[in-house]
Amino acid sequence: EENFEKEAEREQTIIGPHRDEILFFLDDMELRNFGSQGQHRLFSMSL
């Protein structure tokens, strides 16, 4: 309801689970922005 006019202008659905995000952290560090290559590798293996 709140985004009706915005969706009408953009001509697409902009609200919903198709835009969800899952953020990965090591302690308080967001992995995508601050992780080293080794940390990325070990995290993906752990997943």
ModelCIF file with pLDDT and N, C-alpha, C, O atoms, coordinates in Angstrom:
data_MODEL
#
_entry.id   MODEL 
#
_entity.id                         1 
_entity.type                       polymer 
_entity.pdbx_number_of_molecules   1 
#
_entity_poly.entity_id                      1 
_entity_poly.type                           'polypeptide(L)' 
_entity_poly.nstd_linkage                   no 
_entity_poly.nstd_monomer                   no 
_entity_poly.pdbx_seq_one_letter_code       EENFEKEAEREQTIIGPHRDEILFFLDDMELRNFGSQGQHRLFSMSL 
_entity_poly.pdbx_seq_one_letter_code_can   EENFEKEAEREQTIIGPHRDEILFFLDDMELRNFGSQGQHRLFSMSL 
_entity_poly.pdbx_strand_id                 A 
#
loop_
_entity_poly_seq.entity_id 
_entity_poly_seq.num 
_entity_poly_seq.mon_id 
_entity_poly_seq.hetero 
1 1  GLU n 
1 2  GLU n 
1 3  ASN n 
1 4  PHE n 
1 5  GLU n 
1 6  LYS n 
1 7  GLU n 
1 8  ALA n 
1 9  GLU n 
1 10 ARG n 
1 11 GLU n 
1 12 GLN n 
1 13 THR n 
1 14 ILE n 
1 15 ILE n 
1 16 GLY n 
1 17 PRO n 
1 18 HIS n 
1 19 ARG n 
1 20 ASP n 
1 21 GLU n 
1 22 ILE n 
1 23 LEU n 
1 24 PHE n 
1 25 PHE n 
1 26 LEU n 
1 27 ASP n 
1 28 ASP n 
1 29 MET n 
1 30 GLU n 
1 31 LEU n 
1 32 ARG n 
1 33 ASN n 
1 34 PHE n 
1 35 GLY n 
1 36 SER n 
1 37 GLN n 
1 38 GLY n 
1 39 GLN n 
1 40 HIS n 
1 41 ARG n 
1 42 LEU n 
1 43 PHE n 
1 44 SER n 
1 45 MET n 
1 46 SER n 
1 47 LEU n 
#
_struct_asym.id          A 
_struct_asym.entity_id   1 
#
loop_
_ma_qa_metric.id 
_ma_qa_metric.mode 
_ma_qa_metric.name 
_ma_qa_metric.software_group_id 
_ma_qa_metric.type 
1 global pLDDT . pLDDT 
2 local  pLDDT . pLDDT 
#
_ma_qa_metric_global.metric_id      1 
_ma_qa_metric_global.metric_value   95.38 
_ma_qa_metric_global.model_id       1 
_ma_qa_metric_global.ordinal_id     1 
#
loop_
_ma_qa_metric_local.label_asym_id 
_ma_qa_metric_local.label_comp_id 
_ma_qa_metric_local.label_seq_id 
_ma_qa_metric_local.metric_id 
_ma_qa_metric_local.metric_value 
_ma_qa_metric_local.model_id 
_ma_qa_metric_local.ordinal_id 
A GLU 1  2 97.00 1 1  
A GLU 2  2 97.00 1 2  
A ASN 3  2 98.00 1 3  
A PHE 4  2 97.00 1 4  
A GLU 5  2 96.00 1 5  
A LYS 6  2 97.00 1 6  
A GLU 7  2 97.00 1 7  
A ALA 8  2 97.00 1 8  
A GLU 9  2 96.00 1 9  
A ARG 10 2 96.00 1 10 
A GLU 11 2 97.00 1 11 
A GLN 12 2 97.00 1 12 
A THR 13 2 98.00 1 13 
A ILE 14 2 97.00 1 14 
A ILE 15 2 98.00 1 15 
A GLY 16 2 98.00 1 16 
A PRO 17 2 98.00 1 17 
A HIS 18 2 98.00 1 18 
A ARG 19 2 98.00 1 19 
A ASP 20 2 98.00 1 20 
A GLU 21 2 97.00 1 21 
A ILE 22 2 97.00 1 22 
A LEU 23 2 97.00 1 23 
A PHE 24 2 97.00 1 24 
A PHE 25 2 97.00 1 25 
A LEU 26 2 96.00 1 26 
A ASP 27 2 94.00 1 27 
A ASP 28 2 90.00 1 28 
A MET 29 2 94.00 1 29 
A GLU 30 2 95.00 1 30 
A LEU 31 2 95.00 1 31 
A ARG 32 2 92.00 1 32 
A ASN 33 2 90.00 1 33 
A PHE 34 2 92.00 1 34 
A GLY 35 2 91.00 1 35 
A SER 36 2 92.00 1 36 
A GLN 37 2 90.00 1 37 
A GLY 38 2 90.00 1 38 
A GLN 39 2 93.00 1 39 
A HIS 40 2 94.00 1 40 
A ARG 41 2 92.00 1 41 
A LEU 42 2 94.00 1 42 
A PHE 43 2 96.00 1 43 
A SER 44 2 95.00 1 44 
A MET 45 2 95.00 1 45 
A SER 46 2 96.00 1 46 
A LEU 47 2 97.00 1 47 
#
loop_
_atom_site.group_PDB 
_atom_site.id 
_atom_site.type_symbol 
_atom_site.label_atom_id 
_atom_site.label_alt_id 
_atom_site.label_comp_id 
_atom_site.label_asym_id 
_atom_site.label_entity_id 
_atom_site.label_seq_id 
_atom_site.pdbx_PDB_ins_code 
_atom_site.Cartn_x 
_atom_site.Cartn_y 
_atom_site.Cartn_z 
_atom_site.occupancy 
_atom_site.B_iso_or_equiv 
_atom_site.pdbx_formal_charge 
_atom_site.auth_seq_id 
_atom_site.auth_comp_id 
_atom_site.auth_asym_id 
_atom_site.auth_atom_id 
_atom_site.pdbx_PDB_model_num 
ATOM 1   N N  . GLU A 1 1  ? 0.832  -1.207  0.000   1.00 97.00 ? 1  GLU A N  1 
ATOM 2   C CA . GLU A 1 1  ? 0.000  0.000   0.000   1.00 97.00 ? 1  GLU A CA 1 
ATOM 3   C C  . GLU A 1 1  ? 0.863  1.252   0.000   1.00 97.00 ? 1  GLU A C  1 
ATOM 4   O O  . GLU A 1 1  ? 0.611  2.183   -0.765  1.00 97.00 ? 1  GLU A O  1 
ATOM 5   N N  . GLU A 1 2  ? 1.876  1.277   0.852   1.00 97.00 ? 2  GLU A N  1 
ATOM 6   C CA . GLU A 1 2  ? 2.738  2.444   0.976   1.00 97.00 ? 2  GLU A CA 1 
ATOM 7   C C  . GLU A 1 2  ? 3.578  2.679   -0.274  1.00 97.00 ? 2  GLU A C  1 
ATOM 8   O O  . GLU A 1 2  ? 3.930  3.817   -0.582  1.00 97.00 ? 2  GLU A O  1 
ATOM 9   N N  . ASN A 1 3  ? 3.897  1.619   -0.985  1.00 98.00 ? 3  ASN A N  1 
ATOM 10  C CA . ASN A 1 3  ? 4.790  1.736   -2.152  1.00 98.00 ? 3  ASN A CA 1 
ATOM 11  C C  . ASN A 1 3  ? 4.052  1.610   -3.479  1.00 98.00 ? 3  ASN A C  1 
ATOM 12  O O  . ASN A 1 3  ? 4.673  1.415   -4.524  1.00 98.00 ? 3  ASN A O  1 
ATOM 13  N N  . PHE A 1 4  ? 2.733  1.720   -3.436  1.00 97.00 ? 4  PHE A N  1 
ATOM 14  C CA . PHE A 1 4  ? 1.939  1.537   -4.659  1.00 97.00 ? 4  PHE A CA 1 
ATOM 15  C C  . PHE A 1 4  ? 2.364  2.492   -5.772  1.00 97.00 ? 4  PHE A C  1 
ATOM 16  O O  . PHE A 1 4  ? 2.610  2.057   -6.897  1.00 97.00 ? 4  PHE A O  1 
ATOM 17  N N  . GLU A 1 5  ? 2.454  3.779   -5.472  1.00 96.00 ? 5  GLU A N  1 
ATOM 18  C CA . GLU A 1 5  ? 2.792  4.754   -6.515  1.00 96.00 ? 5  GLU A CA 1 
ATOM 19  C C  . GLU A 1 5  ? 4.200  4.535   -7.052  1.00 96.00 ? 5  GLU A C  1 
ATOM 20  O O  . GLU A 1 5  ? 4.453  4.703   -8.245  1.00 96.00 ? 5  GLU A O  1 
ATOM 21  N N  . LYS A 1 6  ? 5.110  4.161   -6.164  1.00 97.00 ? 6  LYS A N  1 
ATOM 22  C CA . LYS A 1 6  ? 6.486  3.895   -6.610  1.00 97.00 ? 6  LYS A CA 1 
ATOM 23  C C  . LYS A 1 6  ? 6.528  2.687   -7.544  1.00 97.00 ? 6  LYS A C  1 
ATOM 24  O O  . LYS A 1 6  ? 7.228  2.708   -8.557  1.00 97.00 ? 6  LYS A O  1 
ATOM 25  N N  . GLU A 1 7  ? 5.775  1.629   -7.204  1.00 97.00 ? 7  GLU A N  1 
ATOM 26  C CA . GLU A 1 7  ? 5.741  0.448   -8.069  1.00 97.00 ? 7  GLU A CA 1 
ATOM 27  C C  . GLU A 1 7  ? 5.071  0.763   -9.406  1.00 97.00 ? 7  GLU A C  1 
ATOM 28  O O  . GLU A 1 7  ? 5.494  0.271   -10.453 1.00 97.00 ? 7  GLU A O  1 
ATOM 29  N N  . ALA A 1 8  ? 4.030  1.580   -9.363  1.00 97.00 ? 8  ALA A N  1 
ATOM 30  C CA . ALA A 1 8  ? 3.357  1.967   -10.611 1.00 97.00 ? 8  ALA A CA 1 
ATOM 31  C C  . ALA A 1 8  ? 4.300  2.744   -11.516 1.00 97.00 ? 8  ALA A C  1 
ATOM 32  O O  . ALA A 1 8  ? 4.281  2.581   -12.736 1.00 97.00 ? 8  ALA A O  1 
ATOM 33  N N  . GLU A 1 9  ? 5.128  3.591   -10.907 1.00 96.00 ? 9  GLU A N  1 
ATOM 34  C CA . GLU A 1 9  ? 6.085  4.382   -11.684 1.00 96.00 ? 9  GLU A CA 1 
ATOM 35  C C  . GLU A 1 9  ? 7.181  3.503   -12.273 1.00 96.00 ? 9  GLU A C  1 
ATOM 36  O O  . GLU A 1 9  ? 7.570  3.673   -13.429 1.00 96.00 ? 9  GLU A O  1 
ATOM 37  N N  . ARG A 1 10 ? 7.673  2.564   -11.474 1.00 96.00 ? 10 ARG A N  1 
ATOM 38  C CA . ARG A 1 10 ? 8.769  1.701   -11.931 1.00 96.00 ? 10 ARG A CA 1 
ATOM 39  C C  . ARG A 1 10 ? 8.265  0.509   -12.753 1.00 96.00 ? 10 ARG A C  1 
ATOM 40  O O  . ARG A 1 10 ? 9.040  -0.160  -13.436 1.00 96.00 ? 10 ARG A O  1 
ATOM 41  N N  . GLU A 1 11 ? 6.957  0.256   -12.676 1.00 97.00 ? 11 GLU A N  1 
ATOM 42  C CA . GLU A 1 11 ? 6.322  -0.830  -13.414 1.00 97.00 ? 11 GLU A CA 1 
ATOM 43  C C  . GLU A 1 11 ? 6.874  -2.199  -13.024 1.00 97.00 ? 11 GLU A C  1 
ATOM 44  O O  . GLU A 1 11 ? 7.056  -3.068  -13.877 1.00 97.00 ? 11 GLU A O  1 
ATOM 45  N N  . GLN A 1 12 ? 7.135  -2.385  -11.749 1.00 97.00 ? 12 GLN A N  1 
ATOM 46  C CA . GLN A 1 12 ? 7.599  -3.679  -11.259 1.00 97.00 ? 12 GLN A CA 1 
ATOM 47  C C  . GLN A 1 12 ? 7.359  -3.802  -9.764  1.00 97.00 ? 12 GLN A C  1 
ATOM 48  O O  . GLN A 1 12 ? 7.231  -2.801  -9.059  1.00 97.00 ? 12 GLN A O  1 
ATOM 49  N N  . THR A 1 13 ? 7.298  -5.037  -9.288  1.00 98.00 ? 13 THR A N  1 
ATOM 50  C CA . THR A 1 13 ? 7.111  -5.318  -7.869  1.00 98.00 ? 13 THR A CA 1 
ATOM 51  C C  . THR A 1 13 ? 8.445  -5.135  -7.147  1.00 98.00 ? 13 THR A C  1 
ATOM 52  O O  . THR A 1 13 ? 9.413  -5.840  -7.432  1.00 98.00 ? 13 THR A O  1 
ATOM 53  N N  . ILE A 1 14 ? 8.490  -4.194  -6.217  1.00 97.00 ? 14 ILE A N  1 
ATOM 54  C CA . ILE A 1 14 ? 9.747  -3.903  -5.528  1.00 97.00 ? 14 ILE A CA 1 
ATOM 55  C C  . ILE A 1 14 ? 9.714  -4.332  -4.066  1.00 97.00 ? 14 ILE A C  1 
ATOM 56  O O  . ILE A 1 14 ? 10.706 -4.172  -3.356  1.00 97.00 ? 14 ILE A O  1 
ATOM 57  N N  . ILE A 1 15 ? 8.595  -4.872  -3.608  1.00 98.00 ? 15 ILE A N  1 
ATOM 58  C CA . ILE A 1 15 ? 8.466  -5.333  -2.236  1.00 98.00 ? 15 ILE A CA 1 
ATOM 59  C C  . ILE A 1 15 ? 8.216  -6.835  -2.237  1.00 98.00 ? 15 ILE A C  1 
ATOM 60  O O  . ILE A 1 15 ? 7.340  -7.312  -2.958  1.00 98.00 ? 15 ILE A O  1 
ATOM 61  N N  . GLY A 1 16 ? 8.973  -7.591  -1.437  1.00 98.00 ? 16 GLY A N  1 
ATOM 62  C CA . GLY A 1 16 ? 8.724  -9.018  -1.338  1.00 98.00 ? 16 GLY A CA 1 
ATOM 63  C C  . GLY A 1 16 ? 9.988  -9.820  -1.098  1.00 98.00 ? 16 GLY A C  1 
ATOM 64  O O  . GLY A 1 16 ? 11.087 -9.265  -1.128  1.00 98.00 ? 16 GLY A O  1 
ATOM 65  N N  . PRO A 1 17 ? 9.852  -11.112 -0.859  1.00 98.00 ? 17 PRO A N  1 
ATOM 66  C CA . PRO A 1 17 ? 11.003 -11.968 -0.555  1.00 98.00 ? 17 PRO A CA 1 
ATOM 67  C C  . PRO A 1 17 ? 11.967 -12.144 -1.713  1.00 98.00 ? 17 PRO A C  1 
ATOM 68  O O  . PRO A 1 17 ? 13.074 -12.644 -1.517  1.00 98.00 ? 17 PRO A O  1 
ATOM 69  N N  . HIS A 1 18 ? 11.571 -11.743 -2.925  1.00 98.00 ? 18 HIS A N  1 
ATOM 70  C CA . HIS A 1 18 ? 12.497 -11.814 -4.063  1.00 98.00 ? 18 HIS A CA 1 
ATOM 71  C C  . HIS A 1 18 ? 13.623 -10.791 -3.939  1.00 98.00 ? 18 HIS A C  1 
ATOM 72  O O  . HIS A 1 18 ? 14.545 -10.775 -4.754  1.00 98.00 ? 18 HIS A O  1 
ATOM 73  N N  . ARG A 1 19 ? 13.544 -9.933  -2.915  1.00 98.00 ? 19 ARG A N  1 
ATOM 74  C CA . ARG A 1 19 ? 14.605 -8.948  -2.682  1.00 98.00 ? 19 ARG A CA 1 
ATOM 75  C C  . ARG A 1 19 ? 15.276 -9.153  -1.324  1.00 98.00 ? 19 ARG A C  1 
ATOM 76  O O  . ARG A 1 19 ? 16.000 -8.279  -0.849  1.00 98.00 ? 19 ARG A O  1 
ATOM 77  N N  . ASP A 1 20 ? 15.039 -10.289 -0.712  1.00 98.00 ? 20 ASP A N  1 
ATOM 78  C CA . ASP A 1 20 ? 15.657 -10.582 0.581   1.00 98.00 ? 20 ASP A CA 1 
ATOM 79  C C  . ASP A 1 20 ? 17.177 -10.644 0.468   1.00 98.00 ? 20 ASP A C  1 
ATOM 80  O O  . ASP A 1 20 ? 17.734 -10.851 -0.610  1.00 98.00 ? 20 ASP A O  1 
ATOM 81  N N  . GLU A 1 21 ? 17.824 -10.461 1.606   1.00 97.00 ? 21 GLU A N  1 
ATOM 82  C CA . GLU A 1 21 ? 19.283 -10.545 1.690   1.00 97.00 ? 21 GLU A CA 1 
ATOM 83  C C  . GLU A 1 21 ? 19.659 -11.358 2.929   1.00 97.00 ? 21 GLU A C  1 
ATOM 84  O O  . GLU A 1 21 ? 18.984 -11.296 3.956   1.00 97.00 ? 21 GLU A O  1 
ATOM 85  N N  . ILE A 1 22 ? 20.747 -12.121 2.814   1.00 97.00 ? 22 ILE A N  1 
ATOM 86  C CA . ILE A 1 22 ? 21.328 -12.824 3.956   1.00 97.00 ? 22 ILE A CA 1 
ATOM 87  C C  . ILE A 1 22 ? 22.750 -12.316 4.113   1.00 97.00 ? 22 ILE A C  1 
ATOM 88  O O  . ILE A 1 22 ? 23.582 -12.504 3.225   1.00 97.00 ? 22 ILE A O  1 
ATOM 89  N N  . LEU A 1 23 ? 23.031 -11.677 5.230   1.00 97.00 ? 23 LEU A N  1 
ATOM 90  C CA . LEU A 1 23 ? 24.356 -11.135 5.494   1.00 97.00 ? 23 LEU A CA 1 
ATOM 91  C C  . LEU A 1 23 ? 25.164 -12.123 6.335   1.00 97.00 ? 23 LEU A C  1 
ATOM 92  O O  . LEU A 1 23 ? 24.632 -12.748 7.252   1.00 97.00 ? 23 LEU A O  1 
ATOM 93  N N  . PHE A 1 24 ? 26.442 -12.256 6.018   1.00 97.00 ? 24 PHE A N  1 
ATOM 94  C CA . PHE A 1 24 ? 27.340 -13.150 6.737   1.00 97.00 ? 24 PHE A CA 1 
ATOM 95  C C  . PHE A 1 24 ? 28.306 -12.324 7.587   1.00 97.00 ? 24 PHE A C  1 
ATOM 96  O O  . PHE A 1 24 ? 28.835 -11.308 7.137   1.00 97.00 ? 24 PHE A O  1 
ATOM 97  N N  . PHE A 1 25 ? 28.526 -12.773 8.813   1.00 97.00 ? 25 PHE A N  1 
ATOM 98  C CA . PHE A 1 25 ? 29.411 -12.062 9.729   1.00 97.00 ? 25 PHE A CA 1 
ATOM 99  C C  . PHE A 1 25 ? 30.411 -13.019 10.381  1.00 97.00 ? 25 PHE A C  1 
ATOM 100 O O  . PHE A 1 25 ? 30.114 -14.190 10.619  1.00 97.00 ? 25 PHE A O  1 
ATOM 101 N N  . LEU A 1 26 ? 31.594 -12.491 10.658  1.00 96.00 ? 26 LEU A N  1 
ATOM 102 C CA . LEU A 1 26 ? 32.552 -13.115 11.572  1.00 96.00 ? 26 LEU A CA 1 
ATOM 103 C C  . LEU A 1 26 ? 32.709 -12.164 12.747  1.00 96.00 ? 26 LEU A C  1 
ATOM 104 O O  . LEU A 1 26 ? 33.229 -11.059 12.597  1.00 96.00 ? 26 LEU A O  1 
ATOM 105 N N  . ASP A 1 27 ? 32.255 -12.601 13.917  1.00 94.00 ? 27 ASP A N  1 
ATOM 106 C CA . ASP A 1 27 ? 32.097 -11.683 15.047  1.00 94.00 ? 27 ASP A CA 1 
ATOM 107 C C  . ASP A 1 27 ? 31.243 -10.496 14.578  1.00 94.00 ? 27 ASP A C  1 
ATOM 108 O O  . ASP A 1 27 ? 30.102 -10.692 14.159  1.00 94.00 ? 27 ASP A O  1 
ATOM 109 N N  . ASP A 1 28 ? 31.776 -9.275  14.642  1.00 90.00 ? 28 ASP A N  1 
ATOM 110 C CA . ASP A 1 28 ? 31.005 -8.111  14.214  1.00 90.00 ? 28 ASP A CA 1 
ATOM 111 C C  . ASP A 1 28 ? 31.394 -7.623  12.816  1.00 90.00 ? 28 ASP A C  1 
ATOM 112 O O  . ASP A 1 28 ? 30.935 -6.569  12.376  1.00 90.00 ? 28 ASP A O  1 
ATOM 113 N N  . MET A 1 29 ? 32.232 -8.383  12.123  1.00 94.00 ? 29 MET A N  1 
ATOM 114 C CA . MET A 1 29 ? 32.717 -7.978  10.801  1.00 94.00 ? 29 MET A CA 1 
ATOM 115 C C  . MET A 1 29 ? 31.839 -8.575  9.710   1.00 94.00 ? 29 MET A C  1 
ATOM 116 O O  . MET A 1 29 ? 31.670 -9.793  9.648   1.00 94.00 ? 29 MET A O  1 
ATOM 117 N N  . GLU A 1 30 ? 31.274 -7.720  8.838   1.00 95.00 ? 30 GLU A N  1 
ATOM 118 C CA . GLU A 1 30 ? 30.514 -8.234  7.714   1.00 95.00 ? 30 GLU A CA 1 
ATOM 119 C C  . GLU A 1 30 ? 31.477 -8.792  6.671   1.00 95.00 ? 30 GLU A C  1 
ATOM 120 O O  . GLU A 1 30 ? 32.326 -8.073  6.145   1.00 95.00 ? 30 GLU A O  1 
ATOM 121 N N  . LEU A 1 31 ? 31.337 -10.056 6.388   1.00 95.00 ? 31 LEU A N  1 
ATOM 122 C CA . LEU A 1 31 ? 32.316 -10.774 5.582   1.00 95.00 ? 31 LEU A CA 1 
ATOM 123 C C  . LEU A 1 31 ? 32.453 -10.202 4.181   1.00 95.00 ? 31 LEU A C  1 
ATOM 124 O O  . LEU A 1 31 ? 33.570 -10.063 3.684   1.00 95.00 ? 31 LEU A O  1 
ATOM 125 N N  . ARG A 1 32 ? 31.340 -9.866  3.532   1.00 92.00 ? 32 ARG A N  1 
ATOM 126 C CA . ARG A 1 32 ? 31.396 -9.421  2.144   1.00 92.00 ? 32 ARG A CA 1 
ATOM 127 C C  . ARG A 1 32 ? 32.238 -8.166  1.981   1.00 92.00 ? 32 ARG A C  1 
ATOM 128 O O  . ARG A 1 32 ? 32.943 -8.018  0.983   1.00 92.00 ? 32 ARG A O  1 
ATOM 129 N N  . ASN A 1 33 ? 32.172 -7.269  2.943   1.00 90.00 ? 33 ASN A N  1 
ATOM 130 C CA . ASN A 1 33 ? 32.869 -5.988  2.817   1.00 90.00 ? 33 ASN A CA 1 
ATOM 131 C C  . ASN A 1 33 ? 34.279 -5.995  3.390   1.00 90.00 ? 33 ASN A C  1 
ATOM 132 O O  . ASN A 1 33 ? 35.135 -5.231  2.944   1.00 90.00 ? 33 ASN A O  1 
ATOM 133 N N  . PHE A 1 34 ? 34.527 -6.854  4.379   1.00 92.00 ? 34 PHE A N  1 
ATOM 134 C CA . PHE A 1 34 ? 35.802 -6.746  5.099   1.00 92.00 ? 34 PHE A CA 1 
ATOM 135 C C  . PHE A 1 34 ? 36.593 -8.045  5.181   1.00 92.00 ? 34 PHE A C  1 
ATOM 136 O O  . PHE A 1 34 ? 37.721 -8.047  5.675   1.00 92.00 ? 34 PHE A O  1 
ATOM 137 N N  . GLY A 1 35 ? 36.022 -9.153  4.705   1.00 91.00 ? 35 GLY A N  1 
ATOM 138 C CA . GLY A 1 35 ? 36.714 -10.429 4.838   1.00 91.00 ? 35 GLY A CA 1 
ATOM 139 C C  . GLY A 1 35 ? 37.856 -10.601 3.853   1.00 91.00 ? 35 GLY A C  1 
ATOM 140 O O  . GLY A 1 35 ? 37.802 -10.102 2.729   1.00 91.00 ? 35 GLY A O  1 
ATOM 141 N N  . SER A 1 36 ? 38.895 -11.317 4.285   1.00 92.00 ? 36 SER A N  1 
ATOM 142 C CA . SER A 1 36 ? 40.002 -11.653 3.396   1.00 92.00 ? 36 SER A CA 1 
ATOM 143 C C  . SER A 1 36 ? 39.596 -12.805 2.488   1.00 92.00 ? 36 SER A C  1 
ATOM 144 O O  . SER A 1 36 ? 38.569 -13.444 2.718   1.00 92.00 ? 36 SER A O  1 
ATOM 145 N N  . GLN A 1 37 ? 40.388 -13.075 1.465   1.00 90.00 ? 37 GLN A N  1 
ATOM 146 C CA . GLN A 1 37 ? 40.075 -14.167 0.554   1.00 90.00 ? 37 GLN A CA 1 
ATOM 147 C C  . GLN A 1 37 ? 40.038 -15.498 1.299   1.00 90.00 ? 37 GLN A C  1 
ATOM 148 O O  . GLN A 1 37 ? 39.182 -16.340 1.030   1.00 90.00 ? 37 GLN A O  1 
ATOM 149 N N  . GLY A 1 38 ? 40.971 -15.685 2.238   1.00 90.00 ? 38 GLY A N  1 
ATOM 150 C CA . GLY A 1 38 ? 40.986 -16.913 3.024   1.00 90.00 ? 38 GLY A CA 1 
ATOM 151 C C  . GLY A 1 38 ? 39.755 -17.056 3.893   1.00 90.00 ? 38 GLY A C  1 
ATOM 152 O O  . GLY A 1 38 ? 39.223 -18.156 4.039   1.00 90.00 ? 38 GLY A O  1 
ATOM 153 N N  . GLN A 1 39 ? 39.292 -15.949 4.475   1.00 93.00 ? 39 GLN A N  1 
ATOM 154 C CA . GLN A 1 39 ? 38.090 -15.993 5.304   1.00 93.00 ? 39 GLN A CA 1 
ATOM 155 C C  . GLN A 1 39 ? 36.851 -16.293 4.467   1.00 93.00 ? 39 GLN A C  1 
ATOM 156 O O  . GLN A 1 39 ? 35.957 -17.014 4.911   1.00 93.00 ? 39 GLN A O  1 
ATOM 157 N N  . HIS A 1 40 ? 36.797 -15.741 3.261   1.00 94.00 ? 40 HIS A N  1 
ATOM 158 C CA . HIS A 1 40 ? 35.685 -16.060 2.359   1.00 94.00 ? 40 HIS A CA 1 
ATOM 159 C C  . HIS A 1 40 ? 35.667 -17.550 2.037   1.00 94.00 ? 40 HIS A C  1 
ATOM 160 O O  . HIS A 1 40 ? 34.612 -18.184 2.061   1.00 94.00 ? 40 HIS A O  1 
ATOM 161 N N  . ARG A 1 41 ? 36.830 -18.101 1.739   1.00 92.00 ? 41 ARG A N  1 
ATOM 162 C CA . ARG A 1 41 ? 36.914 -19.514 1.364   1.00 92.00 ? 41 ARG A CA 1 
ATOM 163 C C  . ARG A 1 41 ? 36.470 -20.407 2.524   1.00 92.00 ? 41 ARG A C  1 
ATOM 164 O O  . ARG A 1 41 ? 35.679 -21.330 2.329   1.00 92.00 ? 41 ARG A O  1 
ATOM 165 N N  . LEU A 1 42 ? 36.972 -20.136 3.720   1.00 94.00 ? 42 LEU A N  1 
ATOM 166 C CA . LEU A 1 42 ? 36.640 -20.973 4.868   1.00 94.00 ? 42 LEU A CA 1 
ATOM 167 C C  . LEU A 1 42 ? 35.168 -20.837 5.265   1.00 94.00 ? 42 LEU A C  1 
ATOM 168 O O  . LEU A 1 42 ? 34.551 -21.805 5.708   1.00 94.00 ? 42 LEU A O  1 
ATOM 169 N N  . PHE A 1 43 ? 34.610 -19.638 5.107   1.00 96.00 ? 43 PHE A N  1 
ATOM 170 C CA . PHE A 1 43 ? 33.204 -19.430 5.444   1.00 96.00 ? 43 PHE A CA 1 
ATOM 171 C C  . PHE A 1 43 ? 32.305 -20.198 4.471   1.00 96.00 ? 43 PHE A C  1 
ATOM 172 O O  . PHE A 1 43 ? 31.343 -20.844 4.887   1.00 96.00 ? 43 PHE A O  1 
ATOM 173 N N  . SER A 1 44 ? 32.624 -20.124 3.165   1.00 95.00 ? 44 SER A N  1 
ATOM 174 C CA . SER A 1 44 ? 31.804 -20.831 2.174   1.00 95.00 ? 44 SER A CA 1 
ATOM 175 C C  . SER A 1 44 ? 31.898 -22.342 2.373   1.00 95.00 ? 44 SER A C  1 
ATOM 176 O O  . SER A 1 44 ? 30.905 -23.052 2.216   1.00 95.00 ? 44 SER A O  1 
ATOM 177 N N  . MET A 1 45 ? 33.089 -22.836 2.717   1.00 95.00 ? 45 MET A N  1 
ATOM 178 C CA . MET A 1 45 ? 33.237 -24.259 3.018   1.00 95.00 ? 45 MET A CA 1 
ATOM 179 C C  . MET A 1 45 ? 32.393 -24.644 4.222   1.00 95.00 ? 45 MET A C  1 
ATOM 180 O O  . MET A 1 45 ? 31.747 -25.691 4.227   1.00 95.00 ? 45 MET A O  1 
ATOM 181 N N  . SER A 1 46 ? 32.401 -23.802 5.230   1.00 96.00 ? 46 SER A N  1 
ATOM 182 C CA . SER A 1 46 ? 31.629 -24.081 6.449   1.00 96.00 ? 46 SER A CA 1 
ATOM 183 C C  . SER A 1 46 ? 30.135 -24.089 6.162   1.00 96.00 ? 46 SER A C  1 
ATOM 184 O O  . SER A 1 46 ? 29.397 -24.890 6.736   1.00 96.00 ? 46 SER A O  1 
ATOM 185 N N  . LEU A 1 47 ? 29.682 -23.198 5.275   1.00 97.00 ? 47 LEU A N  1 
ATOM 186 C CA . LEU A 1 47 ? 28.272 -23.182 4.889   1.00 97.00 ? 47 LEU A CA 1 
ATOM 187 C C  . LEU A 1 47 ? 27.849 -24.524 4.304   1.00 97.00 ? 47 LEU A C  1 
ATOM 188 O O  . LEU A 1 47 ? 26.691 -24.694 3.923   1.00 97.00 ? 47 LEU A O  1 
#
